[in-house]
Amino acid sequence: MFSQTYCQPHKGILWVLVFFMASLPLLGNAHETEWPGQKLAAIFPEAKKFVQRNAVLTPDKIAAIEKELGAKLRAEDQKPIFYIPISEKKKPMGLVFFADAKGPLGVIEGAVGLDMKGKVVKVAVYEHKESDAIVGDEFLKQFVGMGIDNAFKVGEDVEAADGHEAASNAVALIPKKTLVMSYTLFLKRKPKPDVAKVPMPEAPEEEMPEAEDLKTLMALMIDDYFVVVDYFDEKESKEKAIAAAKRLAKYAKGISNFEPPKNADQTEEYRYLQDTFSENLLKFAESLEKEGISDETREQWDTIVTLVNQAHLRFSEEEIDLDTY
């Protein structure tokens, strides 16, 4: 079955691979029913544009987030939408997340900006029924520079607005929620050092070429894609195939930083294919390193190619000739 799948004509496959990973649904959520352009610009004023990124929270991820927060996620938080600010040089600058928290007098709605290092650059509060002290610059600026290791608790690393400790803790939950959800979904935490063990020097990561747009990124991925295909065909160069699979997985993580094509189909099925493809590609890279050619890796690659073909049939309006890239 595998040979029948990957021996099909390759034209259009890599374009669809990039196409459905990068195309992001432009839908609102309970926090924002319209494009929040002014609010986004206030958080990242130097951004040239913003790209919307929808995320999927599985029950396991929801449970992990709630455990770390020590609070239940609101229904509005369980279909999170992140906004990626893009610089003039077409590079991501961080992310913005609109979140809310339950205060003593009602819901407090706000937003948080994080930079590429996972540090808070701004906390904004919009709708609330609390004292205006919680929206003052002096109170909100204390969150700037905080990260995932901060407690975000009054009495520890947060100074309450005068006489409003409960409301201050509610506001502090907004950046904490943003950080916990971002790290659960996208970011990687550094392991805490074990003083009982002698640290081993880390091998330097391979430097990846930078792509200015989707077309360039597709061109970077094509060669690695066919290295894996040739490995299954000819059963040679396992090391090259492993390296190619790892690079594909790394490229896949950055696809959604770019603006999606104009004719992207915004459907639940589209998001499902996008998320499933990304997860399967990462698992395949790990399995290929451990097992090489096996029934499991053949099945994983079959699944990846099938997903790409499904996306092509459902969401691509025309076939792209890869020979032109």
Protein backbone atom coordinates (compact mmCIF):
# COMPACT_ATOMS: atom_id res chain seq x y z
CA MET A 1 0.00 0.00 0.00
CA PHE A 2 2.79 2.37 0.86
CA SER A 3 4.55 2.01 -2.46
CA GLN A 4 1.27 2.57 -4.25
CA THR A 5 0.73 5.76 -2.30
CA TYR A 6 4.06 7.50 -2.58
CA CYS A 7 4.73 6.45 -6.15
CA GLN A 8 1.79 8.59 -7.30
CA PRO A 9 2.67 11.84 -9.14
CA HIS A 10 4.12 14.32 -6.67
CA LYS A 11 2.91 17.49 -8.36
CA GLY A 12 0.86 19.63 -6.02
CA ILE A 13 1.51 17.60 -2.88
CA LEU A 14 4.06 19.90 -1.27
CA TRP A 15 2.08 22.99 -2.14
CA VAL A 16 -0.99 21.55 -0.44
CA LEU A 17 1.22 20.51 2.48
CA VAL A 18 2.16 24.15 2.97
CA PHE A 19 -1.28 25.40 1.94
CA PHE A 20 -3.36 23.65 4.56
CA MET A 21 -0.82 24.08 7.36
CA ALA A 22 -0.53 27.80 6.78
CA SER A 23 -4.16 28.65 6.09
CA LEU A 24 -5.77 29.77 9.30
CA PRO A 25 -9.50 30.20 9.92
CA LEU A 26 -10.43 33.85 10.23
CA LEU A 27 -13.22 33.33 12.72
CA GLY A 28 -14.03 35.27 15.83
CA ASN A 29 -14.49 33.82 19.29
CA ALA A 30 -16.48 34.82 22.34
CA HIS A 31 -13.87 37.41 23.26
CA GLU A 32 -13.73 39.14 19.88
CA THR A 33 -16.55 39.02 17.33
CA GLU A 34 -14.80 41.45 14.97
CA TRP A 35 -11.18 41.78 13.88
CA PRO A 36 -9.49 43.46 16.90
CA GLY A 37 -7.10 45.55 14.81
CA GLN A 38 -6.83 48.57 17.11
CA LYS A 39 -6.31 46.45 20.21
CA LEU A 40 -3.64 44.37 18.49
CA ALA A 41 -1.83 47.48 17.24
CA ALA A 42 -1.82 48.92 20.76
CA ILE A 43 0.00 45.83 22.04
CA PHE A 44 2.45 45.47 19.14
CA PRO A 45 2.56 48.93 17.49
CA GLU A 46 5.57 48.00 15.33
CA ALA A 47 3.88 44.99 13.74
CA LYS A 48 3.28 45.22 10.00
CA LYS A 49 0.34 42.82 10.15
CA PHE A 50 -1.19 40.09 12.30
CA VAL A 51 -1.91 36.45 11.43
CA GLN A 52 -4.68 34.59 13.23
CA ARG A 53 -3.90 31.11 14.55
CA ASN A 54 -6.62 28.81 15.86
CA ALA A 55 -5.61 26.11 18.31
CA VAL A 56 -7.28 22.91 19.47
CA LEU A 57 -7.38 21.97 23.13
CA THR A 58 -7.73 18.25 23.77
CA PRO A 59 -9.23 17.05 27.07
CA ASP A 60 -5.73 16.12 28.26
CA LYS A 61 -4.40 19.60 27.51
CA ILE A 62 -7.38 21.24 29.20
CA ALA A 63 -6.77 19.13 32.31
CA ALA A 64 -3.05 20.01 32.33
CA ILE A 65 -3.76 23.73 31.93
CA GLU A 66 -6.39 23.76 34.68
CA LYS A 67 -4.08 21.87 37.03
CA GLU A 68 -1.29 24.41 36.56
CA LEU A 69 -3.62 27.39 36.80
CA GLY A 70 -5.45 26.04 39.82
CA ALA A 71 -8.66 27.17 38.15
CA LYS A 72 -11.16 25.92 35.59
CA LEU A 73 -10.98 27.26 32.05
CA ARG A 74 -13.98 29.27 30.98
CA ALA A 75 -15.93 28.01 27.96
CA GLU A 76 -14.55 30.94 25.93
CA ASP A 77 -10.99 29.76 26.59
CA GLN A 78 -11.49 26.24 25.27
CA LYS A 79 -11.39 27.34 21.61
CA PRO A 80 -8.38 29.66 21.80
CA ILE A 81 -7.40 32.04 19.02
CA PHE A 82 -3.92 33.55 18.98
CA TYR A 83 -2.77 36.51 16.91
CA ILE A 84 0.81 36.47 15.61
CA PRO A 85 2.36 39.92 14.98
CA ILE A 86 4.55 39.97 11.87
CA SER A 87 7.37 42.48 11.54
CA GLU A 88 8.29 44.51 8.48
CA LYS A 89 10.92 41.84 7.78
CA LYS A 90 8.14 39.22 7.74
CA LYS A 91 9.27 37.63 11.01
CA PRO A 92 7.00 36.70 13.94
CA MET A 93 7.38 39.03 16.93
CA GLY A 94 5.44 37.04 19.54
CA LEU A 95 1.73 36.50 20.10
CA VAL A 96 -1.41 38.15 21.46
CA PHE A 97 -4.14 36.30 23.31
CA PHE A 98 -7.50 37.69 24.44
CA ALA A 99 -8.55 36.19 27.76
CA ASP A 100 -10.75 36.92 30.73
CA ALA A 101 -11.03 36.05 34.40
CA LYS A 102 -13.78 36.08 37.02
CA GLY A 103 -13.39 39.04 39.37
CA PRO A 104 -15.31 39.82 42.59
CA LEU A 105 -17.89 41.90 40.67
CA GLY A 106 -17.96 40.05 37.36
CA VAL A 107 -15.91 39.06 34.34
CA ILE A 108 -12.73 41.01 33.59
CA GLU A 109 -11.86 40.99 29.88
CA GLY A 110 -8.33 41.64 28.71
CA ALA A 111 -5.46 40.73 26.43
CA VAL A 112 -1.79 39.85 26.80
CA GLY A 113 1.17 40.21 24.46
CA LEU A 114 4.15 37.86 24.70
CA ASP A 115 7.48 38.29 22.94
CA MET A 116 9.45 35.53 21.21
CA LYS A 117 11.14 34.65 24.52
CA GLY A 118 7.82 34.03 26.24
CA LYS A 119 7.93 37.22 28.29
CA VAL A 120 4.99 39.57 28.84
CA VAL A 121 5.27 42.79 26.83
CA LYS A 122 1.86 44.22 27.71
CA VAL A 123 -1.30 43.46 29.68
CA ALA A 124 -4.48 45.32 28.73
CA VAL A 125 -7.84 45.32 30.51
CA TYR A 126 -10.96 46.29 28.55
CA GLU A 127 -14.34 45.45 30.08
CA HIS A 128 -14.77 45.13 33.86
CA LYS A 129 -16.95 46.14 36.81
CA GLU A 130 -14.12 46.57 39.29
CA SER A 131 -12.32 49.70 40.46
CA ASP A 132 -10.46 51.61 37.75
CA ALA A 133 -7.34 51.02 39.82
CA ILE A 134 -6.91 47.65 38.07
CA VAL A 135 -6.51 49.34 34.67
CA GLY A 136 -3.96 51.89 35.83
CA ASP A 137 -0.53 51.90 34.17
CA GLU A 138 1.24 51.58 37.51
CA PHE A 139 -0.59 48.35 38.27
CA LEU A 140 -0.45 46.76 34.80
CA LYS A 141 3.19 47.64 34.03
CA GLN A 142 4.42 45.36 36.82
CA PHE A 143 3.56 42.34 34.65
CA VAL A 144 5.93 43.39 31.84
CA GLY A 145 8.93 41.06 31.71
CA MET A 146 7.25 38.27 33.69
CA GLY A 147 7.31 34.72 32.33
CA ILE A 148 6.11 31.18 32.86
CA ASP A 149 8.14 30.77 36.08
CA ASN A 150 6.39 33.66 37.85
CA ALA A 151 3.63 32.97 40.38
CA PHE A 152 1.35 35.88 39.34
CA LYS A 153 -0.01 36.12 42.88
CA VAL A 154 -0.56 39.08 45.16
CA GLY A 155 1.89 38.89 48.03
CA GLU A 156 4.47 36.95 46.03
CA ASP A 157 5.36 38.78 42.83
CA VAL A 158 2.31 41.01 42.29
CA GLU A 159 1.51 44.20 44.18
CA ALA A 160 -2.24 44.67 44.52
CA ALA A 161 -4.05 47.78 43.40
CA ASP A 162 -4.90 49.70 46.58
CA GLY A 163 -7.67 47.90 48.48
CA HIS A 164 -8.48 45.51 45.64
CA GLU A 165 -6.53 42.31 46.29
CA ALA A 166 -9.13 39.90 44.87
CA ALA A 167 -9.58 41.91 41.68
CA SER A 168 -5.79 42.21 41.34
CA ASN A 169 -5.40 38.44 41.57
CA ALA A 170 -8.09 38.06 38.90
CA VAL A 171 -6.20 40.38 36.55
CA ALA A 172 -2.95 38.51 37.27
CA LEU A 173 -4.65 35.30 36.17
CA ILE A 174 -5.02 36.69 32.63
CA PRO A 175 -1.26 36.79 31.79
CA LYS A 176 -0.72 33.56 33.70
CA LYS A 177 -3.45 31.87 31.66
CA THR A 178 -1.92 33.22 28.45
CA LEU A 179 1.50 31.84 29.34
CA VAL A 180 0.29 28.43 30.50
CA MET A 181 -1.87 27.94 27.40
CA SER A 182 0.90 29.17 25.08
CA TYR A 183 3.49 26.83 26.56
CA THR A 184 1.07 23.91 26.53
CA LEU A 185 0.25 24.46 22.86
CA PHE A 186 3.31 26.01 21.20
CA LEU A 187 6.31 26.79 23.36
CA LYS A 188 8.94 24.54 24.89
CA ARG A 189 9.98 24.80 28.51
CA LYS A 190 13.56 24.48 29.58
CA PRO A 191 13.99 21.56 31.99
CA LYS A 192 14.82 22.59 35.51
CA PRO A 193 18.46 21.78 36.32
CA ASP A 194 19.11 18.80 38.55
CA VAL A 195 21.85 19.81 40.97
CA ALA A 196 22.55 16.16 41.72
CA LYS A 197 23.59 15.52 38.13
CA VAL A 198 26.48 16.90 36.16
CA PRO A 199 25.01 18.77 33.18
CA MET A 200 25.93 17.33 29.80
CA PRO A 201 26.88 19.75 27.04
CA GLU A 202 24.09 20.16 24.52
CA ALA A 203 24.75 19.37 20.89
CA PRO A 204 24.29 22.48 18.75
CA GLU A 205 21.05 22.49 16.77
CA GLU A 206 21.24 22.53 13.01
CA GLU A 207 20.81 26.06 11.72
CA MET A 208 17.70 26.19 9.55
CA PRO A 209 17.45 28.46 6.49
CA GLU A 210 14.99 31.31 6.92
CA ALA A 211 12.08 31.67 4.50
CA GLU A 212 10.63 35.04 3.57
CA ASP A 213 7.31 33.67 2.30
CA LEU A 214 5.33 30.46 1.76
CA LYS A 215 6.73 29.86 -1.71
CA THR A 216 10.29 29.97 -0.37
CA LEU A 217 9.39 27.66 2.51
CA MET A 218 7.81 25.18 0.10
CA ALA A 219 11.00 25.15 -1.96
CA LEU A 220 13.02 24.40 1.19
CA MET A 221 10.72 21.48 2.06
CA ILE A 222 10.60 19.83 -1.36
CA ASP A 223 14.09 18.30 -1.28
CA ASP A 224 13.61 16.88 2.22
CA TYR A 225 10.23 15.47 1.25
CA PHE A 226 11.72 13.47 -1.61
CA VAL A 227 14.68 12.34 0.51
CA VAL A 228 12.17 10.50 2.70
CA VAL A 229 10.29 9.16 -0.34
CA ASP A 230 13.54 7.88 -1.88
CA TYR A 231 14.53 6.23 1.40
CA PHE A 232 11.39 4.10 1.38
CA ASP A 233 11.87 3.36 -2.34
CA GLU A 234 15.56 2.47 -2.29
CA LYS A 235 16.17 1.61 1.40
CA GLU A 236 19.36 3.67 1.45
CA SER A 237 20.67 6.69 3.38
CA LYS A 238 18.75 6.20 6.60
CA GLU A 239 20.70 9.01 8.29
CA LYS A 240 19.78 11.44 5.52
CA ALA A 241 16.11 10.43 5.74
CA ILE A 242 16.07 10.94 9.51
CA ALA A 243 17.67 14.38 9.15
CA ALA A 244 15.19 15.28 6.39
CA ALA A 245 12.20 14.18 8.48
CA LYS A 246 13.41 16.27 11.42
CA ARG A 247 13.84 19.31 9.18
CA LEU A 248 10.34 18.84 7.77
CA ALA A 249 8.95 18.75 11.30
CA LYS A 250 10.81 21.98 12.15
CA TYR A 251 9.65 23.68 8.96
CA ALA A 252 6.07 22.62 9.72
CA LYS A 253 6.15 24.45 13.06
CA GLY A 254 6.89 27.73 11.30
CA ILE A 255 4.41 27.50 8.44
CA SER A 256 1.57 29.22 10.27
CA ASN A 257 3.73 32.28 10.95
CA PHE A 258 3.04 33.37 7.38
CA GLU A 259 -0.08 34.97 6.01
CA PRO A 260 -2.42 32.31 4.56
CA PRO A 261 -3.35 32.19 0.85
CA LYS A 262 -6.29 34.35 -0.18
CA ASN A 263 -8.56 31.47 -1.16
CA ALA A 264 -8.19 29.45 2.05
CA ASP A 265 -11.33 27.47 2.89
CA GLN A 266 -12.29 28.24 6.49
CA THR A 267 -13.93 25.04 7.75
CA GLU A 268 -13.75 22.77 10.78
CA GLU A 269 -12.55 19.96 8.51
CA TYR A 270 -9.73 22.18 7.27
CA ARG A 271 -8.53 22.85 10.82
CA TYR A 272 -8.77 19.16 11.65
CA LEU A 273 -6.58 18.18 8.68
CA GLN A 274 -4.08 20.89 9.56
CA ASP A 275 -3.69 19.81 13.19
CA THR A 276 -3.65 16.09 12.38
CA PHE A 277 -0.97 16.56 9.73
CA SER A 278 1.31 18.50 12.07
CA GLU A 279 1.02 15.94 14.87
CA ASN A 280 1.60 12.98 12.54
CA LEU A 281 4.68 14.56 10.98
CA LEU A 282 6.31 15.06 14.38
CA LYS A 283 5.54 11.48 15.45
CA PHE A 284 6.89 10.14 12.15
CA ALA A 285 10.23 11.93 12.58
CA GLU A 286 10.64 10.39 16.04
CA SER A 287 9.68 6.88 14.89
CA LEU A 288 11.93 7.01 11.84
CA GLU A 289 14.93 7.73 14.04
CA LYS A 290 14.11 4.83 16.36
CA GLU A 291 13.01 2.20 13.85
CA GLY A 292 13.98 3.19 10.32
CA ILE A 293 11.80 1.34 7.80
CA SER A 294 9.18 -0.62 9.70
CA ASP A 295 5.48 -1.39 9.51
CA GLU A 296 4.84 1.51 11.87
CA THR A 297 6.83 4.11 9.93
CA ARG A 298 5.34 2.91 6.63
CA GLU A 299 1.86 3.32 8.09
CA GLN A 300 2.73 6.77 9.48
CA TRP A 301 4.05 7.96 6.12
CA ASP A 302 0.97 6.52 4.38
CA THR A 303 -1.18 8.57 6.75
CA ILE A 304 0.80 11.75 6.07
CA VAL A 305 0.54 11.35 2.29
CA THR A 306 -3.17 10.49 2.57
CA LEU A 307 -3.81 13.64 4.59
CA VAL A 308 -1.98 15.74 2.00
CA ASN A 309 -4.01 14.17 -0.80
CA GLN A 310 -7.25 14.76 1.12
CA ALA A 311 -6.35 18.39 1.59
CA HIS A 312 -5.51 18.69 -2.11
CA LEU A 313 -8.86 17.22 -3.16
CA ARG A 314 -10.88 19.26 -0.67
CA PHE A 315 -9.11 22.61 -0.46
CA SER A 316 -6.79 23.23 -3.41
CA GLU A 317 -8.39 24.95 -6.41
CA GLU A 318 -5.58 24.17 -8.84
CA GLU A 319 -2.59 21.87 -9.08
CA ILE A 320 0.84 23.43 -8.69
CA ASP A 321 3.71 22.23 -10.86
CA LEU A 322 6.59 21.62 -8.46
CA ASP A 323 9.04 21.63 -11.37
CA THR A 324 8.66 25.41 -11.48
CA TYR A 325 10.13 25.82 -7.98
